Amino acid sequence: MTKKNVHTVPSSGGSGWDNKVNGEVISHHHKKETAVEQGRSTARTNESEHVIHDKGGKIQEKNSYGNDPHPPKDKR
């Protein structure tokens, strides 16, 4: 089964933020913080990764929810 990673990205229309799964917009929001909250919720439901982008489209943050096949190696 393929994981359905959620990407929170700036809207292609130029106003607001979108959450996308497999390149398809699943939700649109006026504020980034609202889009991030919804994206996190969807990623938890899908047990997948949530990738948050900045206004320029660069990856700003990644969070994994569910079984991570490559967990961090440091033992803090």
C-alpha atoms as a PDB file:
ATOM      1  CA  MET A   1       0.000   0.000   0.000  1.00  0.00           C
ATOM      2  CA  THR A   2       1.333   3.427  -0.943  1.00  0.00           C
ATOM      3  CA  LYS A   3       1.472   6.056   1.763  1.00  0.00           C
ATOM      4  CA  LYS A   4      -0.556   9.165   1.036  1.00  0.00           C
ATOM      5  CA  ASN A   5       1.795  11.932   2.141  1.00  0.00           C
ATOM      6  CA  VAL A   6       0.219  15.335   2.766  1.00  0.00           C
ATOM      7  CA  HIS A   7       1.933  18.474   1.435  1.00  0.00           C
ATOM      8  CA  THR A   8       0.953  21.925   2.754  1.00  0.00           C
ATOM      9  CA  VAL A   9       1.897  24.312  -0.059  1.00  0.00           C
ATOM     10  CA  PRO A  10       1.147  27.866  -1.202  1.00  0.00           C
ATOM     11  CA  SER A  11      -1.926  27.932  -3.428  1.00  0.00           C
ATOM     12  CA  SER A  12      -1.177  27.959  -7.141  1.00  0.00           C
ATOM     13  CA  GLY A  13      -3.800  30.713  -7.486  1.00  0.00           C
ATOM     14  CA  GLY A  14      -1.624  32.978  -5.365  1.00  0.00           C
ATOM     15  CA  SER A  15      -3.942  33.446  -2.405  1.00  0.00           C
ATOM     16  CA  GLY A  16      -3.923  31.083   0.528  1.00  0.00           C
ATOM     17  CA  TRP A  17      -2.596  27.588   1.166  1.00  0.00           C
ATOM     18  CA  ASP A  18      -3.495  24.139  -0.115  1.00  0.00           C
ATOM     19  CA  ASN A  19      -3.131  20.649   1.279  1.00  0.00           C
ATOM     20  CA  LYS A  20      -2.326  18.130  -1.430  1.00  0.00           C
ATOM     21  CA  VAL A  21      -2.211  14.342  -1.540  1.00  0.00           C
ATOM     22  CA  ASN A  22      -0.658  12.780  -4.657  1.00  0.00           C
ATOM     23  CA  GLY A  23      -0.734  16.210  -6.334  1.00  0.00           C
ATOM     24  CA  GLU A  24      -4.490  16.632  -5.832  1.00  0.00           C
ATOM     25  CA  VAL A  25      -5.815  19.517  -3.693  1.00  0.00           C
ATOM     26  CA  ILE A  26      -7.790  18.091  -0.770  1.00  0.00           C
ATOM     27  CA  SER A  27      -8.360  21.393   1.072  1.00  0.00           C
ATOM     28  CA  HIS A  28      -7.811  25.151   0.637  1.00  0.00           C
ATOM     29  CA  HIS A  29      -7.227  27.641   3.479  1.00  0.00           C
ATOM     30  CA  HIS A  30      -6.709  31.386   3.785  1.00  0.00           C
ATOM     31  CA  LYS A  31      -4.149  31.079   6.612  1.00  0.00           C
ATOM     32  CA  LYS A  32      -1.081  28.842   6.718  1.00  0.00           C
ATOM     33  CA  GLU A  33      -1.635  27.855  10.351  1.00  0.00           C
ATOM     34  CA  THR A  34      -5.127  26.551   9.525  1.00  0.00           C
ATOM     35  CA  ALA A  35      -3.772  24.603   6.544  1.00  0.00           C
ATOM     36  CA  VAL A  36      -1.004  23.091   8.707  1.00  0.00           C
ATOM     37  CA  GLU A  37      -3.519  21.975  11.365  1.00  0.00           C
ATOM     38  CA  GLN A  38      -5.733  20.302   8.754  1.00  0.00           C
ATOM     39  CA  GLY A  39      -2.737  18.746   6.990  1.00  0.00           C
ATOM     40  CA  ARG A  40      -1.449  17.331  10.277  1.00  0.00           C
ATOM     41  CA  SER A  41      -4.850  15.828  11.027  1.00  0.00           C
ATOM     42  CA  THR A  42      -5.048  14.223   7.576  1.00  0.00           C
ATOM     43  CA  ALA A  43      -1.498  12.838   7.851  1.00  0.00           C
ATOM     44  CA  ARG A  44      -2.333  11.294  11.233  1.00  0.00           C
ATOM     45  CA  THR A  45      -5.445   9.683   9.768  1.00  0.00           C
ATOM     46  CA  ASN A  46      -3.445   8.361   6.785  1.00  0.00           C
ATOM     47  CA  GLU A  47      -0.529   7.368   9.074  1.00  0.00           C
ATOM     48  CA  SER A  48       1.763   9.131   6.616  1.00  0.00           C
ATOM     49  CA  GLU A  49       4.175  12.060   6.404  1.00  0.00           C
ATOM     50  CA  HIS A  50       3.198  15.738   6.575  1.00  0.00           C
ATOM     51  CA  VAL A  51       5.486  17.999   4.522  1.00  0.00           C
ATOM     52  CA  ILE A  52       5.174  21.746   5.169  1.00  0.00           C
ATOM     53  CA  HIS A  53       6.517  24.132   2.522  1.00  0.00           C
ATOM     54  CA  ASP A  54       7.326  27.865   2.808  1.00  0.00           C
ATOM     55  CA  LYS A  55       6.002  30.589   0.472  1.00  0.00           C
ATOM     56  CA  GLY A  56       8.826  29.900  -1.985  1.00  0.00           C
ATOM     57  CA  GLY A  57       7.902  26.221  -2.188  1.00  0.00           C
ATOM     58  CA  LYS A  58      10.955  24.934  -0.255  1.00  0.00           C
ATOM     59  CA  ILE A  59      10.427  22.250   2.369  1.00  0.00           C
ATOM     60  CA  GLN A  60      10.313  23.914   5.769  1.00  0.00           C
ATOM     61  CA  GLU A  61       9.410  20.974   8.007  1.00  0.00           C
ATOM     62  CA  LYS A  62       8.558  17.244   7.854  1.00  0.00           C
ATOM     63  CA  ASN A  63       6.666  15.164  10.385  1.00  0.00           C
ATOM     64  CA  SER A  64       5.966  11.426  10.273  1.00  0.00           C
ATOM     65  CA  TYR A  65       2.860   9.892  11.789  1.00  0.00           C
ATOM     66  CA  GLY A  66       2.463   6.154  12.110  1.00  0.00           C
ATOM     67  CA  ASN A  67       5.133   3.505  11.695  1.00  0.00           C
ATOM     68  CA  ASP A  68       8.350   5.205  10.551  1.00  0.00           C
ATOM     69  CA  PRO A  69      10.547   2.675   8.698  1.00  0.00           C
ATOM     70  CA  HIS A  70      13.639   4.883   9.265  1.00  0.00           C
ATOM     71  CA  PRO A  71      13.448   6.251  12.838  1.00  0.00           C
ATOM     72  CA  PRO A  72      16.140   8.643  14.149  1.00  0.00           C
ATOM     73  CA  LYS A  73      19.288   6.905  15.345  1.00  0.00           C
ATOM     74  CA  ASP A  74      20.180   9.206  18.254  1.00  0.00           C
ATOM     75  CA  LYS A  75      19.017   7.940  21.658  1.00  0.00           C
ATOM     76  CA  ARG A  76      18.272  11.091  23.648  1.00  0.00           C
END
